Every structure is written in C-alpha cells, then in structure tokens.
PDB file of N, CA and C in Angstrom:
ATOM      1  N   UNK A   1       7.419  22.645 -35.615  1.00  0.00           N
ATOM      2  CA  UNK A   1       8.429  22.111 -34.697  1.00  0.00           C
ATOM      3  C   UNK A   1       8.041  22.399 -33.246  1.00  0.00           C
ATOM      4  N   UNK A   2       7.634  23.644 -32.996  1.00  0.00           N
ATOM      5  CA  UNK A   2       7.261  24.039 -31.638  1.00  0.00           C
ATOM      6  C   UNK A   2       6.087  23.209 -31.119  1.00  0.00           C
ATOM      7  N   UNK A   3       5.115  22.951 -31.986  1.00  0.00           N
ATOM      8  CA  UNK A   3       3.937  22.165 -31.594  1.00  0.00           C
ATOM      9  C   UNK A   3       4.356  20.763 -31.174  1.00  0.00           C
ATOM     10  N   UNK A   4       5.306  20.187 -31.891  1.00  0.00           N
ATOM     11  CA  UNK A   4       5.763  18.835 -31.578  1.00  0.00           C
ATOM     12  C   UNK A   4       6.406  18.800 -30.184  1.00  0.00           C
ATOM     13  N   UNK A   5       7.181  19.820 -29.858  1.00  0.00           N
ATOM     14  CA  UNK A   5       7.823  19.880 -28.537  1.00  0.00           C
ATOM     15  C   UNK A   5       6.769  19.979 -27.439  1.00  0.00           C
ATOM     16  N   UNK A   6       5.784  20.852 -27.651  1.00  0.00           N
ATOM     17  CA  UNK A   6       4.708  21.007 -26.666  1.00  0.00           C
ATOM     18  C   UNK A   6       3.938  19.704 -26.500  1.00  0.00           C
ATOM     19  N   UNK A   7       3.614  19.047 -27.617  1.00  0.00           N
ATOM     20  CA  UNK A   7       2.885  17.777 -27.565  1.00  0.00           C
ATOM     21  C   UNK A   7       3.714  16.730 -26.826  1.00  0.00           C
ATOM     22  N   UNK A   8       4.984  16.711 -27.086  1.00  0.00           N
ATOM     23  CA  UNK A   8       5.877  15.756 -26.423  1.00  0.00           C
ATOM     24  C   UNK A   8       5.891  15.995 -24.910  1.00  0.00           C
ATOM     25  N   UNK A   9       5.966  17.251 -24.522  1.00  0.00           N
ATOM     26  CA  UNK A   9       5.976  17.574 -23.087  1.00  0.00           C
ATOM     27  C   UNK A   9       4.654  17.199 -22.427  1.00  0.00           C
ATOM     28  N   UNK A  10       3.544  17.435 -23.148  1.00  0.00           N
ATOM     29  CA  UNK A  10       2.230  17.090 -22.608  1.00  0.00           C
ATOM     30  C   UNK A  10       2.112  15.580 -22.432  1.00  0.00           C
ATOM     31  N   UNK A  11       2.624  14.819 -23.403  1.00  0.00           N
ATOM     32  CA  UNK A  11       2.586  13.357 -23.294  1.00  0.00           C
ATOM     33  C   UNK A  11       3.399  12.901 -22.085  1.00  0.00           C
ATOM     34  N   UNK A  12       4.578  13.501 -21.910  1.00  0.00           N
ATOM     35  CA  UNK A  12       5.427  13.128 -20.768  1.00  0.00           C
ATOM     36  C   UNK A  12       4.725  13.450 -19.458  1.00  0.00           C
ATOM     37  N   UNK A  13       4.074  14.609 -19.403  1.00  0.00           N
ATOM     38  CA  UNK A  13       3.340  14.993 -18.187  1.00  0.00           C
ATOM     39  C   UNK A  13       2.219  13.992 -17.927  1.00  0.00           C
ATOM     40  N   UNK A  14       1.541  13.575 -18.987  1.00  0.00           N
ATOM     41  CA  UNK A  14       0.475  12.577 -18.849  1.00  0.00           C
ATOM     42  C   UNK A  14       1.017  11.259 -18.346  1.00  0.00           C
ATOM     43  N   UNK A  15       2.175  10.852 -18.853  1.00  0.00           N
ATOM     44  CA  UNK A  15       2.810   9.610 -18.404  1.00  0.00           C
ATOM     45  C   UNK A  15       3.175   9.706 -16.926  1.00  0.00           C
ATOM     46  N   UNK A  16       3.747  10.843 -16.553  1.00  0.00           N
ATOM     47  CA  UNK A  16       4.136  11.035 -15.153  1.00  0.00           C
ATOM     48  C   UNK A  16       2.903  10.958 -14.252  1.00  0.00           C
ATOM     49  N   UNK A  17       1.828  11.610 -14.683  1.00  0.00           N
ATOM     50  CA  UNK A  17       0.594  11.597 -13.903  1.00  0.00           C
ATOM     51  C   UNK A  17       0.068  10.167 -13.765  1.00  0.00           C
ATOM     52  N   UNK A  18       0.101   9.408 -14.878  1.00  0.00           N
ATOM     53  CA  UNK A  18      -0.388   8.038 -14.869  1.00  0.00           C
ATOM     54  C   UNK A  18       0.454   7.183 -13.909  1.00  0.00           C
ATOM     55  N   UNK A  19       1.772   7.301 -14.010  1.00  0.00           N
ATOM     56  CA  UNK A  19       2.641   6.513 -13.132  1.00  0.00           C
ATOM     57  C   UNK A  19       2.502   6.951 -11.684  1.00  0.00           C
ATOM     58  N   UNK A  20       2.293   8.235 -11.490  1.00  0.00           N
ATOM     59  CA  UNK A  20       2.100   8.751 -10.132  1.00  0.00           C
ATOM     60  C   UNK A  20       0.847   8.146  -9.503  1.00  0.00           C
ATOM     61  N   UNK A  21      -0.246   8.095 -10.280  1.00  0.00           N
ATOM     62  CA  UNK A  21      -1.490   7.486  -9.771  1.00  0.00           C
ATOM     63  C   UNK A  21      -1.282   6.007  -9.473  1.00  0.00           C
ATOM     64  N   UNK A  22      -0.587   5.324 -10.392  1.00  0.00           N
ATOM     65  CA  UNK A  22      -0.341   3.890 -10.220  1.00  0.00           C
ATOM     66  C   UNK A  22       0.503   3.643  -8.968  1.00  0.00           C
ATOM     67  N   UNK A  23       1.513   4.487  -8.776  1.00  0.00           N
ATOM     68  CA  UNK A  23       2.386   4.345  -7.611  1.00  0.00           C
ATOM     69  C   UNK A  23       1.595   4.598  -6.327  1.00  0.00           C
ATOM     70  N   UNK A  24       0.741   5.612  -6.333  1.00  0.00           N
ATOM     71  CA  UNK A  24      -0.066   5.899  -5.150  1.00  0.00           C
ATOM     72  C   UNK A  24      -0.991   4.720  -4.845  1.00  0.00           C
ATOM     73  N   UNK A  25      -1.574   4.139  -5.893  1.00  0.00           N
ATOM     74  CA  UNK A  25      -2.445   2.978  -5.718  1.00  0.00           C
ATOM     75  C   UNK A  25      -1.656   1.815  -5.104  1.00  0.00           C
ATOM     76  N   UNK A  26      -0.455   1.584  -5.618  1.00  0.00           N
ATOM     77  CA  UNK A  26       0.397   0.516  -5.070  1.00  0.00           C
ATOM     78  C   UNK A  26       0.740   0.797  -3.610  1.00  0.00           C
ATOM     79  N   UNK A  27       1.039   2.048  -3.298  1.00  0.00           N
ATOM     80  CA  UNK A  27       1.384   2.411  -1.924  1.00  0.00           C
ATOM     81  C   UNK A  27       0.182   2.185  -0.999  1.00  0.00           C
ATOM     82  N   UNK A  28      -1.013   2.547  -1.475  1.00  0.00           N
ATOM     83  CA  UNK A  28      -2.227   2.333  -0.686  1.00  0.00           C
ATOM     84  C   UNK A  28      -2.440   0.847  -0.421  1.00  0.00           C
ATOM     85  N   UNK A  29      -2.221   0.021  -1.452  1.00  0.00           N
ATOM     86  CA  UNK A  29      -2.385  -1.430  -1.290  1.00  0.00           C
ATOM     87  C   UNK A  29      -1.366  -1.981  -0.301  1.00  0.00           C
ATOM     88  N   UNK A  30      -0.128  -1.513  -0.393  1.00  0.00           N
ATOM     89  CA  UNK A  30       0.909  -1.965   0.542  1.00  0.00           C
ATOM     90  C   UNK A  30       0.544  -1.575   1.973  1.00  0.00           C
ATOM     91  N   UNK A  31       0.007  -0.366   2.151  1.00  0.00           N
ATOM     92  CA  UNK A  31      -0.393   0.080   3.486  1.00  0.00           C
ATOM     93  C   UNK A  31      -1.510  -0.800   4.037  1.00  0.00           C
ATOM     94  N   UNK A  32      -2.476  -1.145   3.191  1.00  0.00           N
ATOM     95  CA  UNK A  32      -3.557  -2.038   3.622  1.00  0.00           C
ATOM     96  C   UNK A  32      -3.008  -3.398   4.036  1.00  0.00           C
ATOM     97  N   UNK A  33      -2.075  -3.929   3.239  1.00  0.00           N
ATOM     98  CA  UNK A  33      -1.481  -5.227   3.565  1.00  0.00           C
ATOM     99  C   UNK A  33      -0.721  -5.158   4.885  1.00  0.00           C
ATOM    100  N   UNK A  34      -0.007  -4.059   5.095  1.00  0.00           N
ATOM    101  CA  UNK A  34       0.738  -3.889   6.341  1.00  0.00           C
ATOM    102  C   UNK A  34      -0.216  -3.799   7.527  1.00  0.00           C
ATOM    103  N   UNK A  35      -1.297  -3.043   7.370  1.00  0.00           N
ATOM    104  CA  UNK A  35      -2.296  -2.933   8.438  1.00  0.00           C
ATOM    105  C   UNK A  35      -2.894  -4.295   8.776  1.00  0.00           C
ATOM    106  N   UNK A  36      -3.204  -5.084   7.740  1.00  0.00           N
ATOM    107  CA  UNK A  36      -3.747  -6.425   7.966  1.00  0.00           C
ATOM    108  C   UNK A  36      -2.742  -7.309   8.691  1.00  0.00           C
ATOM    109  N   UNK A  37      -1.481  -7.204   8.291  1.00  0.00           N
ATOM    110  CA  UNK A  37      -0.432  -8.007   8.915  1.00  0.00           C
ATOM    111  C   UNK A  37      -0.326  -7.672  10.404  1.00  0.00           C
ATOM    112  N   UNK A  38      -0.413  -6.389  10.725  1.00  0.00           N
ATOM    113  CA  UNK A  38      -0.345  -5.963  12.132  1.00  0.00           C
ATOM    114  C   UNK A  38      -1.552  -6.496  12.898  1.00  0.00           C
ATOM    115  N   UNK A  39      -2.743  -6.404  12.293  1.00  0.00           N
ATOM    116  CA  UNK A  39      -3.947  -6.920  12.948  1.00  0.00           C
ATOM    117  C   UNK A  39      -3.832  -8.415  13.199  1.00  0.00           C
ATOM    118  N   UNK A  40      -3.330  -9.153  12.216  1.00  0.00           N
ATOM    119  CA  UNK A  40      -3.178 -10.605  12.365  1.00  0.00           C
ATOM    120  C   UNK A  40      -2.179 -10.909  13.473  1.00  0.00           C
ATOM    121  N   UNK A  41      -1.063 -10.198  13.485  1.00  0.00           N
ATOM    122  CA  UNK A  41      -0.043 -10.422  14.514  1.00  0.00           C
ATOM    123  C   UNK A  41      -0.621 -10.149  15.901  1.00  0.00           C
ATOM    124  N   UNK A  42      -1.388  -9.060  16.027  1.00  0.00           N
ATOM    125  CA  UNK A  42      -2.006  -8.729  17.317  1.00  0.00           C
ATOM    126  C   UNK A  42      -3.004  -9.798  17.741  1.00  0.00           C
ATOM    127  N   UNK A  43      -3.772 -10.299  16.772  1.00  0.00           N
ATOM    128  CA  UNK A  43      -4.768 -11.338  17.073  1.00  0.00           C
ATOM    129  C   UNK A  43      -4.079 -12.640  17.498  1.00  0.00           C
ATOM    130  N   UNK A  44      -3.002 -13.006  16.815  1.00  0.00           N
ATOM    131  CA  UNK A  44      -2.248 -14.216  17.194  1.00  0.00           C
ATOM    132  C   UNK A  44      -1.707 -14.059  18.613  1.00  0.00           C
ATOM    133  N   UNK A  45      -1.155 -12.880  18.916  1.00  0.00           N
ATOM    134  CA  UNK A  45      -0.625 -12.625  20.262  1.00  0.00           C
ATOM    135  C   UNK A  45      -1.734 -12.744  21.312  1.00  0.00           C
ATOM    136  N   UNK A  46      -2.904 -12.186  20.984  1.00  0.00           N
ATOM    137  CA  UNK A  46      -4.030 -12.240  21.914  1.00  0.00           C
ATOM    138  C   UNK A  46      -4.461 -13.691  22.152  1.00  0.00           C
ATOM    139  N   UNK A  47      -4.521 -14.476  21.081  1.00  0.00           N
ATOM    140  CA  UNK A  47      -4.912 -15.881  21.214  1.00  0.00           C
ATOM    141  C   UNK A  47      -3.880 -16.673  22.012  1.00  0.00           C
ATOM    142  N   UNK A  48      -2.594 -16.381  21.808  1.00  0.00           N
ATOM    143  CA  UNK A  48      -1.540 -17.058  22.578  1.00  0.00           C
ATOM    144  C   UNK A  48      -1.691 -16.745  24.069  1.00  0.00           C
ATOM    145  N   UNK A  49      -1.986 -15.473  24.370  1.00  0.00           N
ATOM    146  CA  UNK A  49      -2.163 -15.086  25.772  1.00  0.00           C
ATOM    147  C   UNK A  49      -3.381 -15.778  26.368  1.00  0.00           C
ATOM    148  N   UNK A  50      -4.478 -15.841  25.603  1.00  0.00           N
ATOM    149  CA  UNK A  50      -5.671 -16.548  26.082  1.00  0.00           C
ATOM    150  C   UNK A  50      -5.349 -18.018  26.349  1.00  0.00           C
ATOM    151  N   UNK A  51      -4.615 -18.623  25.433  1.00  0.00           N
ATOM    152  CA  UNK A  51      -4.258 -20.038  25.557  1.00  0.00           C
ATOM    153  C   UNK A  51      -3.375 -20.272  26.783  1.00  0.00           C
ATOM    154  N   UNK A  52      -2.406 -19.398  26.996  1.00  0.00           N
ATOM    155  CA  UNK A  52      -1.507 -19.589  28.147  1.00  0.00           C
ATOM    156  C   UNK A  52      -2.262 -19.334  29.458  1.00  0.00           C
ATOM    157  N   UNK A  53      -3.221 -18.398  29.439  1.00  0.00           N
ATOM    158  CA  UNK A  53      -4.032 -18.146  30.627  1.00  0.00           C
ATOM    159  C   UNK A  53      -4.909 -19.362  30.949  1.00  0.00           C
ATOM    160  N   UNK A  54      -5.420 -19.992  29.887  1.00  0.00           N
ATOM    161  CA  UNK A  54      -6.268 -21.160  30.080  1.00  0.00           C
ATOM    162  C   UNK A  54      -5.457 -22.336  30.645  1.00  0.00           C
ATOM    163  N   UNK A  55      -4.203 -22.465  30.203  1.00  0.00           N
ATOM    164  CA  UNK A  55      -3.359 -23.564  30.699  1.00  0.00           C
ATOM    165  C   UNK A  55      -3.031 -23.361  32.174  1.00  0.00           C
ATOM    166  N   UNK A  56      -2.837 -22.098  32.571  1.00  0.00           N
ATOM    167  CA  UNK A  56      -2.520 -21.801  33.986  1.00  0.00           C
ATOM    168  C   UNK A  56      -3.720 -22.098  34.860  1.00  0.00           C
ATOM    169  N   UNK A  57      -4.915 -21.768  34.383  1.00  0.00           N
ATOM    170  CA  UNK A  57      -6.143 -21.928  35.190  1.00  0.00           C
ATOM    171  C   UNK A  57      -6.525 -23.379  35.388  1.00  0.00           C
TER     172      UNK A  57
END
C-alpha cells in the first residue's frame, strides 16, 4: 500500500514537472511573439515618420 502511495506521488510530481516545462515553453513563445510585435510596431512607426518627412521635403 505504501509503495503505491509513493509511486502515485512520484507520478504527480512528474506530471507537474512536465506541465511546468510546457508552461515555461509557452511563456517563452509568447514573449518572443510580443517582442516581434513591438519590433514591427516600431518599424511601422519609423516608416510612417520617414514617409511624412519625405512628403514635407
């Protein structure tokens, strides 16, 4: 009986570890997507400024 409880706890710990890794991976991917979105927004802003400067000149 005791062995079964220990095995059950070890399995749960393994599941938690697996989900924790998966969650961290998802968080890393979300951070990369957010960074890309910021870079794109900055680039669009820069291009708009270049375009408006060209129209003034």
